[in-house]
Amino acid sequence: MEELNVIQPYLDKWLQRSTSLTGDTLKTFTATLLISVIAANQTLPIILTGRSFLPHWKKEYGEVELARVMGDTTMLFPGMVPWSVLAIMCSTIVGVPIMEYLPYALFLWFLPLITLIVSLFKHVQKSKRTAAA
């Protein structure tokens, strides 16, 4: 898919409409969630999100910000998808069905939300500095 450049033009067009770190975080969050639902493992969402979003994030915010967002979303979402290898493995090791542990897996739910809040905070801080200058 990468060589055929099938998805990247649509992704670039979608990202061009973003005007803030919070918006791009939310878009990365959404794309990662969709990729995680489609993929049956943890590796594919990491690779697809990283390679697809890196040019935009590198230009707008830097690689460190993308790594932060991916670390808090891409690494966790497969644990919430019942048919993901990661969720099945965790469920088997703990001996609890996936749908029973998922409501109690607060780390899986809260860390992506905290990431959105951090992005919003950084955006507000940047706006204040820009307004002051």
C-alpha atoms as a PDB file:
ATOM      1  CA  MET A   1       0.000   0.000   0.000  1.00  0.00           C
ATOM      2  CA  GLU A   2       2.842   2.333   0.777  1.00  0.00           C
ATOM      3  CA  GLU A   3       4.526   1.841  -2.596  1.00  0.00           C
ATOM      4  CA  LEU A   4       1.247   2.365  -4.435  1.00  0.00           C
ATOM      5  CA  ASN A   5       0.642   5.553  -2.418  1.00  0.00           C
ATOM      6  CA  VAL A   6      -3.037   4.693  -2.001  1.00  0.00           C
ATOM      7  CA  ILE A   7      -3.821   6.111   1.437  1.00  0.00           C
ATOM      8  CA  GLN A   8      -1.205   8.863   1.915  1.00  0.00           C
ATOM      9  CA  PRO A   9      -2.851  11.486  -0.372  1.00  0.00           C
ATOM     10  CA  TYR A  10      -6.134  11.177   1.542  1.00  0.00           C
ATOM     11  CA  LEU A  11      -4.308  11.291   4.857  1.00  0.00           C
ATOM     12  CA  ASP A  12      -2.334  14.372   3.796  1.00  0.00           C
ATOM     13  CA  LYS A  13      -5.525  16.132   2.725  1.00  0.00           C
ATOM     14  CA  TRP A  14      -7.184  15.216   6.031  1.00  0.00           C
ATOM     15  CA  LEU A  15      -4.202  16.506   8.033  1.00  0.00           C
ATOM     16  CA  GLN A  16      -3.985  19.775   6.070  1.00  0.00           C
ATOM     17  CA  ARG A  17      -7.262  20.857   7.653  1.00  0.00           C
ATOM     18  CA  SER A  18      -5.748  20.628  11.141  1.00  0.00           C
ATOM     19  CA  THR A  19      -4.773  23.853  12.798  1.00  0.00           C
ATOM     20  CA  SER A  20      -3.615  22.705  16.215  1.00  0.00           C
ATOM     21  CA  LEU A  21      -1.704  20.090  18.143  1.00  0.00           C
ATOM     22  CA  THR A  22      -4.968  19.028  19.762  1.00  0.00           C
ATOM     23  CA  GLY A  23      -6.639  18.516  16.379  1.00  0.00           C
ATOM     24  CA  ASP A  24      -3.728  16.489  15.054  1.00  0.00           C
ATOM     25  CA  THR A  25      -3.618  14.466  18.264  1.00  0.00           C
ATOM     26  CA  LEU A  26      -7.304  13.679  17.902  1.00  0.00           C
ATOM     27  CA  LYS A  27      -6.846  12.707  14.252  1.00  0.00           C
ATOM     28  CA  THR A  28      -3.890  10.470  15.101  1.00  0.00           C
ATOM     29  CA  PHE A  29      -5.921   9.025  17.977  1.00  0.00           C
ATOM     30  CA  THR A  30      -8.842   8.264  15.614  1.00  0.00           C
ATOM     31  CA  ALA A  31      -6.699   6.761  12.862  1.00  0.00           C
ATOM     32  CA  THR A  32      -4.831   4.617  15.370  1.00  0.00           C
ATOM     33  CA  LEU A  33      -8.072   3.340  16.857  1.00  0.00           C
ATOM     34  CA  LEU A  34      -9.416   2.434  13.408  1.00  0.00           C
ATOM     35  CA  ILE A  35      -6.184   0.713  12.405  1.00  0.00           C
ATOM     36  CA  SER A  36      -6.162  -1.209  15.693  1.00  0.00           C
ATOM     37  CA  VAL A  37      -9.712  -2.406  15.129  1.00  0.00           C
ATOM     38  CA  ILE A  38      -8.845  -3.604  11.612  1.00  0.00           C
ATOM     39  CA  ALA A  39      -5.455  -5.118  12.438  1.00  0.00           C
ATOM     40  CA  ALA A  40      -5.233  -8.244  14.543  1.00  0.00           C
ATOM     41  CA  ASN A  41      -1.941  -7.365  16.212  1.00  0.00           C
ATOM     42  CA  GLN A  42      -0.041  -4.547  17.884  1.00  0.00           C
ATOM     43  CA  THR A  43       2.737  -4.154  15.338  1.00  0.00           C
ATOM     44  CA  LEU A  44       0.702  -3.095  12.313  1.00  0.00           C
ATOM     45  CA  PRO A  45      -0.918  -0.051  13.994  1.00  0.00           C
ATOM     46  CA  ILE A  46       2.498   1.132  15.193  1.00  0.00           C
ATOM     47  CA  ILE A  47       4.075   0.819  11.754  1.00  0.00           C
ATOM     48  CA  LEU A  48       1.158   2.277   9.798  1.00  0.00           C
ATOM     49  CA  THR A  49       0.575   5.196  12.139  1.00  0.00           C
ATOM     50  CA  GLY A  50       4.251   6.021  12.482  1.00  0.00           C
ATOM     51  CA  ARG A  51       5.096   5.902   8.804  1.00  0.00           C
ATOM     52  CA  SER A  52       1.911   7.631   7.664  1.00  0.00           C
ATOM     53  CA  PHE A  53       1.856  10.473  10.172  1.00  0.00           C
ATOM     54  CA  LEU A  54       5.598  11.094  10.573  1.00  0.00           C
ATOM     55  CA  PRO A  55       6.056  13.572   7.681  1.00  0.00           C
ATOM     56  CA  HIS A  56       3.242  15.821   8.913  1.00  0.00           C
ATOM     57  CA  TRP A  57       4.194  15.649  12.592  1.00  0.00           C
ATOM     58  CA  LYS A  58       7.893  16.135  11.833  1.00  0.00           C
ATOM     59  CA  LYS A  59       7.088  19.308   9.915  1.00  0.00           C
ATOM     60  CA  GLU A  60       4.500  20.722  12.337  1.00  0.00           C
ATOM     61  CA  TYR A  61       5.434  19.626  15.870  1.00  0.00           C
ATOM     62  CA  GLY A  62       8.431  17.330  15.839  1.00  0.00           C
ATOM     63  CA  GLU A  63       9.034  13.630  16.162  1.00  0.00           C
ATOM     64  CA  VAL A  64       8.950  13.751  19.961  1.00  0.00           C
ATOM     65  CA  GLU A  65       5.298  14.841  19.988  1.00  0.00           C
ATOM     66  CA  LEU A  66       4.312  12.039  17.607  1.00  0.00           C
ATOM     67  CA  ALA A  67       6.188   9.542  19.772  1.00  0.00           C
ATOM     68  CA  ARG A  68       4.300  10.802  22.833  1.00  0.00           C
ATOM     69  CA  VAL A  69       0.921  10.489  21.143  1.00  0.00           C
ATOM     70  CA  MET A  70       1.701   7.083  19.671  1.00  0.00           C
ATOM     71  CA  GLY A  71       3.076   5.794  22.954  1.00  0.00           C
ATOM     72  CA  ASP A  72      -0.142   6.719  24.711  1.00  0.00           C
ATOM     73  CA  THR A  73      -2.518   5.439  22.023  1.00  0.00           C
ATOM     74  CA  THR A  74      -1.016   3.072  19.487  1.00  0.00           C
ATOM     75  CA  MET A  75       0.614   0.956  22.145  1.00  0.00           C
ATOM     76  CA  LEU A  76      -2.595   0.606  24.181  1.00  0.00           C
ATOM     77  CA  PHE A  77      -5.493   0.336  21.741  1.00  0.00           C
ATOM     78  CA  PRO A  78      -4.773  -3.263  20.685  1.00  0.00           C
ATOM     79  CA  GLY A  79      -5.301  -4.278  24.307  1.00  0.00           C
ATOM     80  CA  MET A  80      -8.882  -3.050  24.024  1.00  0.00           C
ATOM     81  CA  VAL A  81      -9.756  -4.838  20.775  1.00  0.00           C
ATOM     82  CA  PRO A  82     -11.137  -8.306  21.655  1.00  0.00           C
ATOM     83  CA  TRP A  83      -9.812  -9.992  18.493  1.00  0.00           C
ATOM     84  CA  SER A  84      -6.323  -8.527  18.836  1.00  0.00           C
ATOM     85  CA  VAL A  85      -3.514 -10.961  19.573  1.00  0.00           C
ATOM     86  CA  LEU A  86      -2.393  -8.713  22.437  1.00  0.00           C
ATOM     87  CA  ALA A  87      -5.830  -8.722  24.083  1.00  0.00           C
ATOM     88  CA  ILE A  88      -6.176 -12.478  23.653  1.00  0.00           C
ATOM     89  CA  MET A  89      -2.711 -13.052  25.111  1.00  0.00           C
ATOM     90  CA  CYS A  90      -3.351 -10.776  28.122  1.00  0.00           C
ATOM     91  CA  SER A  91      -6.731 -12.375  28.700  1.00  0.00           C
ATOM     92  CA  THR A  92      -5.245 -15.864  28.578  1.00  0.00           C
ATOM     93  CA  ILE A  93      -2.358 -15.033  30.921  1.00  0.00           C
ATOM     94  CA  VAL A  94      -4.613 -13.408  33.505  1.00  0.00           C
ATOM     95  CA  GLY A  95      -7.324 -16.026  33.052  1.00  0.00           C
ATOM     96  CA  VAL A  96     -10.091 -13.459  32.685  1.00  0.00           C
ATOM     97  CA  PRO A  97     -12.238 -13.078  29.563  1.00  0.00           C
ATOM     98  CA  ILE A  98     -11.430  -9.914  27.596  1.00  0.00           C
ATOM     99  CA  MET A  99     -14.864  -8.397  27.938  1.00  0.00           C
ATOM    100  CA  GLU A 100     -14.683  -8.839  31.716  1.00  0.00           C
ATOM    101  CA  TYR A 101     -11.303  -7.143  32.247  1.00  0.00           C
ATOM    102  CA  LEU A 102     -11.822  -4.320  29.749  1.00  0.00           C
ATOM    103  CA  PRO A 103     -14.099  -2.137  31.927  1.00  0.00           C
ATOM    104  CA  TYR A 104     -11.500  -2.321  34.723  1.00  0.00           C
ATOM    105  CA  ALA A 105      -8.468  -1.621  32.525  1.00  0.00           C
ATOM    106  CA  LEU A 106      -8.400   2.048  33.477  1.00  0.00           C
ATOM    107  CA  PHE A 107      -4.876   2.557  32.138  1.00  0.00           C
ATOM    108  CA  LEU A 108      -6.100   1.617  28.664  1.00  0.00           C
ATOM    109  CA  TRP A 109      -8.907   4.165  28.862  1.00  0.00           C
ATOM    110  CA  PHE A 110      -7.330   7.074  30.734  1.00  0.00           C
ATOM    111  CA  LEU A 111      -3.908   7.405  29.139  1.00  0.00           C
ATOM    112  CA  PRO A 112      -5.269   8.282  25.664  1.00  0.00           C
ATOM    113  CA  LEU A 113      -7.583  10.844  27.266  1.00  0.00           C
ATOM    114  CA  ILE A 114      -4.704  12.333  29.254  1.00  0.00           C
ATOM    115  CA  THR A 115      -2.762  12.587  25.988  1.00  0.00           C
ATOM    116  CA  LEU A 116      -5.545  14.694  24.495  1.00  0.00           C
ATOM    117  CA  ILE A 117      -5.518  16.925  27.575  1.00  0.00           C
ATOM    118  CA  VAL A 118      -1.713  17.347  27.388  1.00  0.00           C
ATOM    119  CA  SER A 119      -1.963  18.275  23.702  1.00  0.00           C
ATOM    120  CA  LEU A 120      -4.660  20.825  24.494  1.00  0.00           C
ATOM    121  CA  PHE A 121      -2.537  22.270  27.310  1.00  0.00           C
ATOM    122  CA  LYS A 122       0.520  22.548  25.029  1.00  0.00           C
ATOM    123  CA  HIS A 123      -1.594  24.202  22.330  1.00  0.00           C
ATOM    124  CA  VAL A 124      -2.945  26.769  24.809  1.00  0.00           C
ATOM    125  CA  GLN A 125       0.570  27.468  26.121  1.00  0.00           C
ATOM    126  CA  LYS A 126       1.862  27.983  22.574  1.00  0.00           C
ATOM    127  CA  SER A 127      -1.061  30.304  21.784  1.00  0.00           C
ATOM    128  CA  LYS A 128      -0.310  32.405  24.891  1.00  0.00           C
ATOM    129  CA  ARG A 129       3.372  32.721  23.929  1.00  0.00           C
ATOM    130  CA  THR A 130       2.452  33.702  20.398  1.00  0.00           C
ATOM    131  CA  ALA A 131      -0.048  36.298  21.613  1.00  0.00           C
ATOM    132  CA  ALA A 132       2.484  37.741  24.070  1.00  0.00           C
ATOM    133  CA  ALA A 133       5.171  38.107  21.404  1.00  0.00           C
END
